[in-house]
Protein backbone atom coordinates (compact mmCIF):
# COMPACT_ATOMS: atom_id res chain seq x y z
CA MET A 1 7.93 15.84 -11.74
CA LYS A 2 10.17 13.69 -9.55
CA THR A 3 10.02 9.99 -10.47
CA THR A 4 9.25 7.80 -7.46
CA VAL A 5 9.48 4.05 -7.00
CA LYS A 6 5.67 4.00 -7.00
CA ASN A 7 5.63 5.77 -10.38
CA ILE A 8 8.08 3.22 -11.80
CA MET A 9 6.06 0.27 -10.50
CA SER A 10 2.80 1.79 -11.70
CA ALA A 11 4.28 2.15 -15.19
CA LEU A 12 5.23 -1.55 -15.17
CA LEU A 13 1.71 -2.73 -14.36
CA LYS A 14 -0.19 -4.22 -17.28
CA PRO A 15 -3.86 -3.18 -17.19
CA ARG A 16 -6.49 -5.91 -17.12
CA ILE A 17 -8.40 -5.84 -20.44
CA ALA A 18 -12.19 -5.66 -20.09
CA ASP A 19 -13.02 -8.37 -22.65
CA SER A 20 -10.19 -10.74 -21.68
CA HIS A 21 -10.47 -14.29 -20.33
CA LYS A 22 -8.41 -16.58 -18.08
CA GLY A 23 -6.27 -17.70 -20.99
CA ASN A 24 -4.93 -14.17 -21.36
CA TYR A 25 -3.25 -14.26 -17.96
CA GLY A 26 -1.12 -17.36 -18.08
CA HIS A 27 -1.10 -20.83 -16.55
CA ALA A 28 1.32 -21.28 -13.66
CA LEU A 29 2.51 -24.46 -11.99
CA ILE A 30 3.51 -24.33 -8.33
CA VAL A 31 5.38 -27.31 -6.88
CA ALA A 32 5.02 -27.05 -3.13
CA GLY A 33 4.19 -28.83 0.09
CA SER A 34 4.88 -32.16 1.76
CA GLN A 35 3.58 -33.90 4.83
CA GLY A 36 3.52 -31.35 7.65
CA LYS A 37 4.34 -28.47 5.30
CA MET A 38 1.14 -28.05 3.31
CA GLY A 39 0.67 -24.56 4.68
CA ALA A 40 3.52 -23.48 2.41
CA ALA A 41 1.63 -24.79 -0.61
CA VAL A 42 -1.57 -23.02 0.45
CA ILE A 43 0.22 -19.72 1.02
CA ALA A 44 2.14 -19.79 -2.27
CA SER A 45 -0.98 -20.79 -4.19
CA LYS A 46 -3.25 -18.17 -2.67
CA ALA A 47 -0.67 -15.43 -3.21
CA CYS A 48 -0.27 -16.53 -6.83
CA LEU A 49 -4.01 -16.34 -7.46
CA ARG A 50 -4.33 -12.98 -5.69
CA THR A 51 -1.63 -11.61 -8.01
CA GLY A 52 -3.74 -12.24 -11.07
CA VAL A 53 -2.68 -15.49 -12.73
CA GLY A 54 -5.33 -16.86 -15.08
CA LEU A 55 -4.93 -20.53 -14.21
CA LEU A 56 -3.01 -22.30 -11.46
CA THR A 57 -2.06 -25.95 -11.09
CA VAL A 58 -0.40 -27.09 -7.86
CA ASN A 59 1.84 -30.17 -7.67
CA ILE A 60 1.34 -31.82 -4.26
CA PRO A 61 1.48 -35.25 -2.61
CA GLU A 62 -1.77 -37.09 -3.35
CA GLU A 63 -2.44 -37.91 0.29
CA GLU A 64 -2.49 -34.18 1.08
CA ARG A 65 -4.90 -33.22 -1.72
CA MET A 66 -7.89 -32.44 0.51
CA ILE A 67 -6.01 -29.59 2.16
CA LEU A 68 -5.54 -27.79 -1.16
CA GLN A 69 -8.98 -28.64 -2.53
CA THR A 70 -10.56 -27.21 0.60
CA ALA A 71 -8.32 -24.19 1.11
CA ILE A 72 -7.84 -23.17 -2.54
CA PRO A 73 -10.82 -24.40 -4.61
CA GLU A 74 -9.72 -22.13 -7.47
CA ALA A 75 -6.57 -24.19 -8.07
CA MET A 76 -6.22 -27.40 -10.07
CA LEU A 77 -4.13 -30.23 -8.66
CA MET A 78 -1.35 -32.41 -10.04
CA MET A 79 -0.58 -35.47 -7.95
CA ARG A 80 3.15 -35.70 -7.36
CA GLU A 81 3.28 -39.49 -7.46
CA ASN A 82 1.97 -39.65 -11.04
CA LYS A 83 4.93 -40.64 -13.22
CA ASN A 84 3.18 -39.27 -16.34
CA ASN A 85 2.84 -35.68 -15.18
CA ARG A 86 3.47 -33.29 -18.06
CA LEU A 87 5.46 -30.11 -17.52
CA SER A 88 4.42 -28.49 -20.80
CA GLY A 89 1.69 -25.89 -21.12
CA TYR A 90 2.83 -23.62 -18.31
CA GLU A 91 4.24 -20.13 -18.66
CA CYS A 92 6.09 -20.32 -15.34
CA ILE A 93 6.90 -22.85 -12.62
CA GLY A 94 7.40 -21.92 -8.97
CA ILE A 95 9.13 -24.57 -6.86
CA GLY A 96 10.48 -25.06 -3.38
CA SER A 97 7.95 -24.01 -0.75
CA GLY A 98 7.78 -26.86 1.73
CA ILE A 99 8.80 -29.66 -0.66
CA GLY A 100 11.48 -30.99 1.72
CA THR A 101 15.04 -31.95 0.86
CA ASP A 102 14.82 -35.73 0.82
CA LYS A 103 15.73 -38.02 -2.07
CA ASP A 104 12.33 -37.70 -3.74
CA ALA A 105 12.41 -33.91 -3.56
CA LYS A 106 15.89 -33.88 -5.11
CA LYS A 107 14.74 -36.12 -7.96
CA LEU A 108 11.70 -33.94 -8.52
CA LEU A 109 13.72 -30.72 -8.77
CA GLU A 110 16.25 -32.32 -11.09
CA LYS A 111 13.47 -33.68 -13.33
CA ILE A 112 11.80 -30.28 -13.60
CA LEU A 113 15.07 -28.46 -14.27
CA ASN A 114 15.90 -30.94 -17.02
CA GLU A 115 12.49 -31.01 -18.67
CA THR A 116 11.36 -27.40 -18.79
CA THR A 117 12.64 -24.28 -20.52
CA VAL A 118 10.14 -21.80 -19.07
CA PRO A 119 11.23 -19.35 -16.35
CA MET A 120 11.13 -20.73 -12.84
CA VAL A 121 10.93 -19.16 -9.40
CA ILE A 122 13.19 -21.22 -7.14
CA ASP A 123 12.93 -20.78 -3.38
CA ALA A 124 13.23 -22.40 0.03
CA ASP A 125 13.84 -26.17 -0.02
CA ALA A 126 14.68 -26.08 -3.74
CA LEU A 127 17.48 -23.61 -2.97
CA ASN A 128 18.82 -25.87 -0.23
CA ILE A 129 18.86 -28.78 -2.68
CA LEU A 130 20.74 -26.61 -5.18
CA SER A 131 23.28 -25.68 -2.50
CA GLU A 132 24.20 -29.38 -2.23
CA ASN A 133 24.08 -29.99 -6.01
CA LYS A 134 25.61 -26.90 -7.59
CA LYS A 135 26.01 -28.63 -10.96
CA LEU A 136 22.25 -28.20 -11.35
CA PHE A 137 22.74 -24.44 -11.73
CA SER A 138 23.63 -24.94 -15.38
CA HIS A 139 20.19 -26.52 -15.92
CA ILE A 140 18.22 -23.50 -14.67
CA ALA A 141 16.29 -21.88 -17.53
CA LYS A 142 17.40 -18.40 -18.52
CA GLY A 143 15.23 -15.69 -17.02
CA SER A 144 14.48 -17.76 -13.93
CA VAL A 145 14.47 -16.24 -10.45
CA ILE A 146 16.20 -17.44 -7.29
CA THR A 147 15.02 -15.87 -4.03
CA PRO A 148 17.36 -16.74 -1.13
CA HIS A 149 17.41 -15.03 2.22
CA LEU A 150 20.84 -14.34 3.74
CA LYS A 151 21.46 -17.83 5.15
CA GLU A 152 20.25 -19.53 1.97
CA PHE A 153 22.44 -17.21 -0.09
CA ASP A 154 25.53 -18.17 1.90
CA ARG A 155 24.67 -21.87 1.62
CA LEU A 156 24.56 -21.43 -2.14
CA PHE A 157 27.59 -19.21 -2.64
CA GLY A 158 29.75 -19.42 0.47
CA HIS A 159 30.00 -17.34 3.61
CA HIS A 160 29.95 -13.55 3.22
CA GLU A 161 30.72 -11.12 6.02
CA LEU A 162 29.03 -8.08 4.46
CA ILE A 163 25.88 -7.45 2.43
CA GLU A 164 28.05 -5.53 -0.04
CA ASP A 165 30.02 -8.72 -0.72
CA ARG A 166 26.78 -10.66 -1.24
CA ILE A 167 25.64 -8.05 -3.74
CA LYS A 168 28.87 -8.44 -5.73
CA THR A 169 28.37 -12.20 -5.80
CA ALA A 170 24.70 -11.83 -6.77
CA ILE A 171 25.59 -9.63 -9.74
CA LYS A 172 28.25 -12.11 -10.87
CA VAL A 173 25.89 -15.11 -10.61
CA ALA A 174 23.05 -13.28 -12.35
CA ASN A 175 25.31 -12.42 -15.28
CA GLU A 176 26.92 -15.87 -15.49
CA PHE A 177 23.67 -17.87 -15.55
CA GLU A 178 21.36 -15.17 -17.01
CA ILE A 179 18.97 -15.43 -14.09
CA VAL A 180 17.45 -13.00 -11.61
CA VAL A 181 19.11 -13.13 -8.20
CA VAL A 182 17.25 -11.82 -5.16
CA ILE A 183 18.72 -11.26 -1.71
CA LYS A 184 15.73 -11.15 0.62
CA GLY A 185 15.72 -9.06 3.76
CA HIS A 186 15.32 -5.45 4.81
CA ASN A 187 15.62 -3.49 1.54
CA THR A 188 15.54 -6.64 -0.60
CA PHE A 189 18.07 -6.50 -3.45
CA VAL A 190 17.41 -7.70 -7.02
CA THR A 191 19.80 -7.97 -9.97
CA PHE A 192 19.45 -9.17 -13.56
CA GLY A 193 21.27 -8.37 -16.78
CA GLY A 194 23.32 -5.58 -15.24
CA GLU A 195 20.31 -3.90 -13.65
CA GLN A 196 19.71 -3.57 -9.91
CA TYR A 197 16.74 -2.74 -7.72
CA ILE A 198 16.54 -2.13 -3.97
CA ASN A 199 13.07 -2.46 -2.51
CA THR A 200 11.58 0.22 -0.24
CA THR A 201 8.33 -1.39 0.94
CA GLY A 202 7.65 -3.84 3.76
CA ASN A 203 8.10 -3.99 7.52
CA ALA A 204 9.14 -6.30 10.35
CA GLY A 205 5.75 -8.02 10.26
CA LEU A 206 7.13 -10.02 7.33
CA ALA A 207 9.78 -11.56 9.60
CA LYS A 208 7.68 -14.72 9.97
CA GLY A 209 7.40 -18.11 8.34
CA GLY A 210 5.44 -18.10 5.11
CA SER A 211 6.49 -14.68 3.83
CA GLY A 212 8.87 -16.18 1.28
CA ASP A 213 6.23 -18.66 0.13
CA ALA A 214 3.86 -15.80 -0.62
CA LEU A 215 6.55 -13.95 -2.55
CA THR A 216 7.25 -17.07 -4.62
CA GLY A 217 3.59 -17.26 -5.56
CA MET A 218 3.40 -13.57 -6.44
CA ILE A 219 6.46 -13.54 -8.70
CA THR A 220 5.30 -16.78 -10.32
CA ALA A 221 1.94 -15.17 -11.13
CA LEU A 222 3.55 -12.14 -12.76
CA LEU A 223 5.96 -14.23 -14.84
CA ALA A 224 3.03 -16.39 -15.99
CA GLN A 225 1.24 -13.23 -17.11
CA GLY A 226 4.10 -12.35 -19.42
CA TYR A 227 6.06 -9.83 -17.42
CA ASP A 228 9.78 -9.56 -18.10
CA SER A 229 11.78 -11.47 -15.47
CA PHE A 230 13.31 -8.39 -13.85
CA ASP A 231 10.00 -6.50 -13.90
CA ALA A 232 8.04 -9.45 -12.50
CA THR A 233 10.50 -9.82 -9.65
CA ARG A 234 10.76 -6.20 -8.58
CA LEU A 235 7.01 -5.63 -8.99
CA GLY A 236 6.24 -8.78 -6.98
CA ILE A 237 8.60 -7.73 -4.20
CA TYR A 238 7.21 -4.19 -4.17
CA LEU A 239 3.59 -5.40 -3.97
CA HIS A 240 4.48 -8.00 -1.32
CA GLY A 241 6.02 -5.32 0.90
CA LEU A 242 3.29 -2.78 0.16
CA ALA A 243 0.57 -5.29 1.09
CA ALA A 244 2.40 -5.82 4.40
CA ASP A 245 2.47 -2.06 4.97
CA ILE A 246 -1.27 -1.86 4.28
CA ALA A 247 -1.89 -4.77 6.66
CA LEU A 248 -0.60 -2.53 9.49
CA ASP A 249 -3.92 -0.66 9.30
CA LYS A 250 -5.44 -3.58 11.22
CA GLN A 251 -2.44 -5.49 12.57
CA SER A 252 0.81 -4.74 14.36
CA VAL A 253 4.20 -6.01 13.24
CA GLU A 254 3.91 -8.56 16.04
CA SER A 255 0.44 -9.85 15.17
CA MET A 256 0.62 -9.75 11.37
CA LEU A 257 0.27 -13.09 9.58
CA ILE A 258 1.23 -13.72 5.97
CA THR A 259 -2.44 -14.52 5.32
CA ASP A 260 -3.22 -10.95 6.44
CA VAL A 261 -0.69 -9.73 3.89
CA ILE A 262 -2.18 -11.81 1.06
CA GLU A 263 -5.62 -10.38 1.81
CA CYS A 264 -4.15 -6.90 1.29
CA VAL A 265 -2.63 -7.60 -2.15
CA GLY A 266 -5.75 -6.23 -3.82
CA LYS A 267 -5.45 -2.94 -1.91
CA ALA A 268 -1.78 -2.79 -2.92
CA PHE A 269 -2.77 -3.04 -6.60
CA LYS A 270 -5.40 -0.34 -6.08
CA THR A 271 -2.78 2.18 -4.91
CA PHE A 272 -1.66 2.39 -8.53
CA GLY A 273 -5.00 4.06 -9.34
């Protein structure tokens, strides 16, 4: 029988055990949001929960707490201003969605990079901070995931004319720092430890703000559940794109919202039978 991408992804999926509890599925921390950008925190958090994490804590500005407590009652909150916040006890940390790039955001990213050894999913504003402070790359925990789109990739690693050149750079960076490097876009590319994956799911409905935030939450959830870094990343990207394809049953590529996609994550899981 011919092996398909769906077969490969289905084989990666860890079945939910009937007599399990929330502690069996990891505790994730998502650091997201700032004034005017709390939607990013909501999207990343909801996508993380929909992808099966057992427990989720979200680090947000205290003055914005009501947004999260109302929109995502399943999540616990960590107030960003608290100087005594502990970073231990989490299986994975996702950071970047809507945190901004100001001085406080830079200090926050540096603190987390220096104080944790668990895998991280680094996206959006956190990537832009890294692009201006490349020395921080050496502080990224092994097995972490960076998820730049094309412009973010070039900010990090210099201008590239061709996608083929970006792929060569991605492979080099992944090997040098022992991290997963993603190049988001049509046929998203992933590399880690000499392995590569090109995604086949998704559509132009994902070409909207918030799509990357959802992907951050999904990969974070899978890492927290104990998936290998490469498997968590390619499975998260596959499910993210598949949920968008399923969302076309009720939406067009023009009308689709990332919240529509998140609501289809369950149906994406169910395609594995």
